[in-house]
Amino acid sequence: MPTSDFICNACQQRFDIFLTYKEYGVKGVYCTHCNSVDVRRRMTKVRIAKTEAGRMEAMANDFPGFESLDDDPRALGQVMKKMGKAMGEELPPEFGEVVDRLEAGQSPEDIQSALPDLGGDSQE
């Protein structure tokens, strides 16, 4: 929707006006609170979507020293939980089970032994 945000310079109130792209800059805008024409456009926040590679890079920067987590399953579980949330995608239930086991202190090797089908590489 082409809704534009404005601030009135007279009464300092914020308001939104629906303007088509054709009307913007042509149609006069006045404050919906005090009818003043002394208004200015308010700049709003812009959200930028990140690519998967961008999200992964940001996560890598958030978790320096990732290699040292091999000795601390609980910390590894917490990092994996944060990474899973940052991915913004629905993760398989097995991911949650692995994270729960790590947070409980179980080593990655023990988890792999207990859940051999997790890799999905098994050939039957």
N, C-alpha and C. Protein backbone atom coordinates (compact mmCIF):
# COMPACT_ATOMS: atom_id res chain seq x y z
N MET A 1 0.84 -1.19 0.00
CA MET A 1 0.00 0.00 0.00
C MET A 1 0.88 1.25 0.00
N PRO A 2 0.59 2.18 -0.85
CA PRO A 2 1.37 3.42 -0.85
C PRO A 2 0.87 4.42 0.20
N THR A 3 1.10 4.09 1.45
CA THR A 3 0.74 4.98 2.55
C THR A 3 2.00 5.75 2.93
N SER A 4 1.89 7.06 3.00
CA SER A 4 3.04 7.89 3.34
C SER A 4 2.88 8.43 4.75
N ASP A 5 3.97 8.46 5.48
CA ASP A 5 3.99 8.95 6.86
C ASP A 5 4.47 10.39 6.87
N PHE A 6 3.77 11.23 7.64
CA PHE A 6 4.11 12.64 7.73
C PHE A 6 4.15 13.09 9.18
N ILE A 7 4.82 14.24 9.40
CA ILE A 7 4.82 14.93 10.69
C ILE A 7 4.39 16.37 10.41
N CYS A 8 3.50 16.89 11.22
CA CYS A 8 3.06 18.27 11.08
C CYS A 8 4.06 19.17 11.80
N ASN A 9 4.56 20.17 11.10
CA ASN A 9 5.49 21.12 11.72
C ASN A 9 4.78 22.08 12.66
N ALA A 10 3.47 22.23 12.51
CA ALA A 10 2.71 23.15 13.36
C ALA A 10 2.35 22.52 14.71
N CYS A 11 1.79 21.31 14.67
CA CYS A 11 1.34 20.67 15.92
C CYS A 11 2.19 19.47 16.34
N GLN A 12 3.18 19.10 15.53
CA GLN A 12 4.12 18.02 15.82
C GLN A 12 3.48 16.63 15.88
N GLN A 13 2.28 16.47 15.34
CA GLN A 13 1.61 15.18 15.33
C GLN A 13 2.04 14.36 14.11
N ARG A 14 2.07 13.07 14.27
CA ARG A 14 2.35 12.16 13.16
C ARG A 14 1.03 11.70 12.56
N PHE A 15 1.05 11.47 11.25
CA PHE A 15 -0.15 10.96 10.59
C PHE A 15 0.23 10.28 9.29
N ASP A 16 -0.64 9.43 8.81
CA ASP A 16 -0.45 8.69 7.56
C ASP A 16 -1.47 9.16 6.55
N ILE A 17 -1.03 9.23 5.30
CA ILE A 17 -1.94 9.59 4.20
C ILE A 17 -1.76 8.55 3.09
N PHE A 18 -2.88 8.09 2.57
CA PHE A 18 -2.84 7.17 1.43
C PHE A 18 -2.73 8.02 0.16
N LEU A 19 -1.65 7.83 -0.55
CA LEU A 19 -1.44 8.53 -1.82
C LEU A 19 -1.00 7.50 -2.86
N THR A 20 -1.62 7.52 -4.01
CA THR A 20 -1.14 6.65 -5.08
C THR A 20 0.20 7.20 -5.54
N TYR A 21 0.94 6.43 -6.26
CA TYR A 21 2.23 6.89 -6.75
C TYR A 21 2.05 8.08 -7.69
N LYS A 22 0.95 8.09 -8.41
CA LYS A 22 0.66 9.19 -9.33
C LYS A 22 0.35 10.48 -8.56
N GLU A 23 -0.30 10.36 -7.40
CA GLU A 23 -0.68 11.53 -6.60
C GLU A 23 0.48 12.11 -5.81
N TYR A 24 1.48 11.26 -5.46
CA TYR A 24 2.57 11.71 -4.59
C TYR A 24 3.33 12.85 -5.25
N GLY A 25 3.49 13.94 -4.52
CA GLY A 25 4.19 15.11 -5.03
C GLY A 25 3.31 16.05 -5.83
N VAL A 26 2.09 15.60 -6.17
CA VAL A 26 1.16 16.43 -6.94
C VAL A 26 0.01 16.87 -6.05
N LYS A 27 -0.57 15.94 -5.33
CA LYS A 27 -1.70 16.22 -4.45
C LYS A 27 -1.20 16.88 -3.17
N GLY A 28 -1.86 17.95 -2.75
CA GLY A 28 -1.48 18.64 -1.52
C GLY A 28 -1.76 17.79 -0.29
N VAL A 29 -0.89 17.89 0.70
CA VAL A 29 -1.03 17.13 1.94
C VAL A 29 -1.22 18.13 3.07
N TYR A 30 -2.18 17.84 3.93
CA TYR A 30 -2.40 18.68 5.10
C TYR A 30 -2.55 17.80 6.32
N CYS A 31 -2.27 18.36 7.48
CA CYS A 31 -2.31 17.62 8.74
C CYS A 31 -3.74 17.19 9.04
N THR A 32 -3.87 15.94 9.39
CA THR A 32 -5.21 15.41 9.73
C THR A 32 -5.65 15.83 11.12
N HIS A 33 -4.75 16.44 11.89
CA HIS A 33 -5.07 16.87 13.25
C HIS A 33 -5.45 18.35 13.31
N CYS A 34 -4.65 19.21 12.60
CA CYS A 34 -4.90 20.66 12.71
C CYS A 34 -5.11 21.33 11.35
N ASN A 35 -5.11 20.57 10.28
CA ASN A 35 -5.33 21.05 8.91
C ASN A 35 -4.22 21.93 8.37
N SER A 36 -3.07 21.98 9.01
CA SER A 36 -1.95 22.79 8.53
C SER A 36 -1.36 22.14 7.28
N VAL A 37 -0.87 22.97 6.38
CA VAL A 37 -0.18 22.45 5.20
C VAL A 37 1.34 22.42 5.43
N ASP A 38 1.78 22.87 6.59
CA ASP A 38 3.19 22.87 6.94
C ASP A 38 3.57 21.49 7.49
N VAL A 39 3.78 20.55 6.58
CA VAL A 39 4.07 19.16 6.95
C VAL A 39 5.34 18.69 6.26
N ARG A 40 5.93 17.65 6.82
CA ARG A 40 7.11 17.06 6.18
C ARG A 40 6.97 15.53 6.21
N ARG A 41 7.59 14.91 5.26
CA ARG A 41 7.56 13.45 5.15
C ARG A 41 8.41 12.87 6.25
N ARG A 42 7.89 11.85 6.88
CA ARG A 42 8.63 11.15 7.95
C ARG A 42 9.25 9.90 7.35
N MET A 43 10.54 9.74 7.56
CA MET A 43 11.24 8.57 7.05
C MET A 43 11.05 7.42 8.04
N THR A 44 10.64 6.30 7.53
CA THR A 44 10.39 5.13 8.37
C THR A 44 11.52 4.13 8.19
N LYS A 45 11.57 3.16 9.09
CA LYS A 45 12.59 2.12 9.02
C LYS A 45 12.35 1.24 7.80
N VAL A 46 13.42 0.76 7.26
CA VAL A 46 13.36 -0.14 6.13
C VAL A 46 13.94 -1.47 6.55
N ARG A 47 13.24 -2.54 6.23
CA ARG A 47 13.75 -3.89 6.53
C ARG A 47 14.40 -4.44 5.28
N ILE A 48 15.55 -5.01 5.47
CA ILE A 48 16.26 -5.60 4.35
C ILE A 48 16.35 -7.10 4.56
N ALA A 49 15.86 -7.83 3.59
CA ALA A 49 15.91 -9.28 3.68
C ALA A 49 17.33 -9.75 3.38
N LYS A 50 17.82 -10.69 4.18
CA LYS A 50 19.15 -11.23 3.97
C LYS A 50 19.05 -12.56 3.24
N THR A 51 20.05 -12.83 2.45
CA THR A 51 20.13 -14.14 1.82
C THR A 51 20.56 -15.15 2.87
N GLU A 52 20.45 -16.40 2.54
CA GLU A 52 20.88 -17.43 3.49
C GLU A 52 22.37 -17.28 3.78
N ALA A 53 23.15 -16.97 2.76
CA ALA A 53 24.59 -16.78 2.97
C ALA A 53 24.83 -15.58 3.89
N GLY A 54 24.05 -14.52 3.73
CA GLY A 54 24.18 -13.35 4.59
C GLY A 54 23.83 -13.66 6.03
N ARG A 55 22.78 -14.46 6.23
CA ARG A 55 22.40 -14.85 7.59
C ARG A 55 23.49 -15.71 8.23
N MET A 56 24.06 -16.62 7.44
CA MET A 56 25.11 -17.49 7.96
C MET A 56 26.35 -16.67 8.33
N GLU A 57 26.69 -15.70 7.50
CA GLU A 57 27.85 -14.85 7.79
C GLU A 57 27.62 -14.04 9.07
N ALA A 58 26.41 -13.50 9.22
CA ALA A 58 26.08 -12.74 10.42
C ALA A 58 26.16 -13.63 11.66
N MET A 59 25.69 -14.87 11.54
CA MET A 59 25.76 -15.80 12.67
C MET A 59 27.21 -16.13 13.01
N ALA A 60 28.05 -16.30 11.99
CA ALA A 60 29.46 -16.60 12.23
C ALA A 60 30.11 -15.45 13.00
N ASN A 61 29.71 -14.23 12.68
CA ASN A 61 30.26 -13.07 13.39
C ASN A 61 29.73 -13.00 14.82
N ASP A 62 28.52 -13.49 15.03
CA ASP A 62 27.93 -13.48 16.37
C ASP A 62 28.54 -14.53 17.29
N PHE A 63 29.13 -15.58 16.71
CA PHE A 63 29.66 -16.69 17.49
C PHE A 63 31.13 -16.94 17.18
N PRO A 64 32.01 -15.98 17.50
CA PRO A 64 33.43 -16.23 17.25
C PRO A 64 33.92 -17.36 18.14
N GLY A 65 34.92 -18.07 17.68
CA GLY A 65 35.45 -19.17 18.47
C GLY A 65 34.55 -20.39 18.47
N PHE A 66 33.80 -20.58 17.40
CA PHE A 66 32.86 -21.69 17.29
C PHE A 66 33.56 -23.03 17.51
N GLU A 67 34.83 -23.12 17.07
CA GLU A 67 35.57 -24.38 17.18
C GLU A 67 35.74 -24.81 18.63
N SER A 68 35.85 -23.85 19.54
CA SER A 68 36.08 -24.19 20.95
C SER A 68 34.85 -24.78 21.62
N LEU A 69 33.72 -24.79 20.94
CA LEU A 69 32.49 -25.32 21.53
C LEU A 69 32.47 -26.84 21.59
N ASP A 70 33.42 -27.49 20.93
CA ASP A 70 33.46 -28.96 20.93
C ASP A 70 33.61 -29.50 22.35
N ASP A 71 34.25 -28.74 23.22
CA ASP A 71 34.48 -29.20 24.59
C ASP A 71 33.35 -28.83 25.54
N ASP A 72 32.34 -28.12 25.07
CA ASP A 72 31.25 -27.66 25.93
C ASP A 72 29.91 -27.91 25.25
N PRO A 73 29.33 -29.11 25.42
CA PRO A 73 28.08 -29.44 24.73
C PRO A 73 26.93 -28.48 25.06
N ARG A 74 26.87 -28.00 26.31
CA ARG A 74 25.78 -27.09 26.68
C ARG A 74 25.88 -25.79 25.89
N ALA A 75 27.08 -25.24 25.80
CA ALA A 75 27.26 -24.00 25.03
C ALA A 75 26.98 -24.25 23.55
N LEU A 76 27.40 -25.41 23.04
CA LEU A 76 27.13 -25.76 21.65
C LEU A 76 25.63 -25.84 21.41
N GLY A 77 24.89 -26.44 22.34
CA GLY A 77 23.44 -26.52 22.22
C GLY A 77 22.79 -25.15 22.19
N GLN A 78 23.28 -24.24 23.04
CA GLN A 78 22.73 -22.88 23.06
C GLN A 78 23.00 -22.16 21.74
N VAL A 79 24.21 -22.32 21.21
CA VAL A 79 24.56 -21.70 19.93
C VAL A 79 23.70 -22.27 18.82
N MET A 80 23.53 -23.59 18.82
CA MET A 80 22.71 -24.22 17.77
C MET A 80 21.27 -23.74 17.85
N LYS A 81 20.75 -23.55 19.06
CA LYS A 81 19.38 -23.07 19.22
C LYS A 81 19.25 -21.66 18.63
N LYS A 82 20.22 -20.79 18.93
CA LYS A 82 20.21 -19.43 18.39
C LYS A 82 20.33 -19.45 16.87
N MET A 83 21.19 -20.31 16.36
CA MET A 83 21.37 -20.41 14.91
C MET A 83 20.09 -20.92 14.24
N GLY A 84 19.44 -21.87 14.88
CA GLY A 84 18.19 -22.39 14.33
C GLY A 84 17.13 -21.31 14.24
N LYS A 85 17.04 -20.47 15.27
CA LYS A 85 16.07 -19.36 15.25
C LYS A 85 16.44 -18.34 14.18
N ALA A 86 17.74 -18.07 14.04
CA ALA A 86 18.19 -17.08 13.08
C ALA A 86 17.97 -17.52 11.63
N MET A 87 17.89 -18.82 11.42
CA MET A 87 17.68 -19.33 10.06
C MET A 87 16.32 -18.92 9.52
N GLY A 88 15.36 -18.75 10.41
CA GLY A 88 14.04 -18.32 9.97
C GLY A 88 13.27 -19.37 9.19
N GLU A 89 13.68 -20.59 9.30
CA GLU A 89 13.02 -21.68 8.59
C GLU A 89 12.55 -22.73 9.59
N GLU A 90 11.59 -23.52 9.19
CA GLU A 90 11.11 -24.62 10.02
C GLU A 90 12.15 -25.73 9.96
N LEU A 91 12.67 -26.08 11.13
CA LEU A 91 13.69 -27.13 11.19
C LEU A 91 13.05 -28.44 11.60
N PRO A 92 13.64 -29.56 11.20
CA PRO A 92 13.05 -30.87 11.53
C PRO A 92 13.08 -31.09 13.04
N PRO A 93 12.15 -31.92 13.54
CA PRO A 93 12.08 -32.18 14.97
C PRO A 93 13.38 -32.77 15.53
N GLU A 94 14.13 -33.48 14.69
CA GLU A 94 15.39 -34.06 15.13
C GLU A 94 16.37 -32.98 15.58
N PHE A 95 16.31 -31.82 14.94
CA PHE A 95 17.20 -30.71 15.31
C PHE A 95 16.93 -30.32 16.76
N GLY A 96 15.66 -30.18 17.10
CA GLY A 96 15.30 -29.84 18.48
C GLY A 96 15.76 -30.89 19.46
N GLU A 97 15.66 -32.16 19.07
CA GLU A 97 16.10 -33.24 19.97
C GLU A 97 17.61 -33.17 20.21
N VAL A 98 18.37 -32.92 19.15
CA VAL A 98 19.83 -32.81 19.30
C VAL A 98 20.17 -31.62 20.19
N VAL A 99 19.52 -30.49 19.97
CA VAL A 99 19.80 -29.30 20.78
C VAL A 99 19.47 -29.58 22.25
N ASP A 100 18.33 -30.22 22.50
CA ASP A 100 17.95 -30.55 23.88
C ASP A 100 19.00 -31.46 24.54
N ARG A 101 19.49 -32.44 23.79
CA ARG A 101 20.49 -33.36 24.34
C ARG A 101 21.80 -32.63 24.62
N LEU A 102 22.19 -31.73 23.72
CA LEU A 102 23.41 -30.96 23.94
C LEU A 102 23.27 -30.08 25.17
N GLU A 103 22.13 -29.41 25.29
CA GLU A 103 21.92 -28.53 26.44
C GLU A 103 21.88 -29.30 27.75
N ALA A 104 21.55 -30.59 27.67
CA ALA A 104 21.56 -31.43 28.86
C ALA A 104 22.97 -31.93 29.18
N GLY A 105 23.93 -31.64 28.28
CA GLY A 105 25.31 -32.01 28.54
C GLY A 105 25.79 -33.24 27.81
N GLN A 106 24.96 -33.82 26.96
CA GLN A 106 25.37 -35.02 26.23
C GLN A 106 26.34 -34.62 25.12
N SER A 107 27.39 -35.38 24.93
CA SER A 107 28.40 -35.05 23.92
C SER A 107 27.86 -35.35 22.52
N PRO A 108 28.38 -34.66 21.50
CA PRO A 108 27.96 -34.94 20.12
C PRO A 108 28.19 -36.39 19.72
N GLU A 109 29.26 -36.98 20.21
CA GLU A 109 29.55 -38.39 19.89
C GLU A 109 28.48 -39.31 20.48
N ASP A 110 28.08 -39.03 21.74
CA ASP A 110 27.03 -39.84 22.38
C ASP A 110 25.70 -39.68 21.65
N ILE A 111 25.42 -38.47 21.21
CA ILE A 111 24.17 -38.23 20.47
C ILE A 111 24.19 -38.99 19.15
N GLN A 112 25.32 -38.96 18.47
CA GLN A 112 25.44 -39.67 17.20
C GLN A 112 25.27 -41.17 17.41
N SER A 113 25.80 -41.70 18.50
CA SER A 113 25.65 -43.14 18.80
C SER A 113 24.20 -43.47 19.13
N ALA A 114 23.54 -42.58 19.87
CA ALA A 114 22.17 -42.83 20.30
C ALA A 114 21.16 -42.64 19.16
N LEU A 115 21.50 -41.79 18.21
CA LEU A 115 20.59 -41.47 17.11
C LEU A 115 21.31 -41.68 15.77
N PRO A 116 21.61 -42.91 15.41
CA PRO A 116 22.42 -43.17 14.22
C PRO A 116 21.74 -42.77 12.91
N ASP A 117 20.43 -42.63 12.89
CA ASP A 117 19.72 -42.30 11.65
C ASP A 117 19.65 -40.81 11.38
N LEU A 118 20.23 -39.98 12.25
CA LEU A 118 20.13 -38.54 12.08
C LEU A 118 20.78 -38.02 10.81
N GLY A 119 21.86 -38.61 10.41
CA GLY A 119 22.60 -38.12 9.24
C GLY A 119 21.84 -38.29 7.95
N GLY A 120 20.94 -39.25 7.89
CA GLY A 120 20.18 -39.49 6.67
C GLY A 120 21.02 -40.15 5.59
N ASP A 121 22.23 -40.59 5.95
CA ASP A 121 23.11 -41.20 4.96
C ASP A 121 23.00 -42.72 4.95
N SER A 122 22.19 -43.28 5.84
CA SER A 122 22.13 -44.74 5.93
C SER A 122 21.61 -45.35 4.64
N GLN A 123 22.27 -46.40 4.19
CA GLN A 123 21.86 -47.08 2.98
C GLN A 123 21.31 -48.43 3.36
N GLU A 124 20.14 -48.72 2.87
CA GLU A 124 19.50 -49.98 3.22
C GLU A 124 19.46 -50.92 2.07
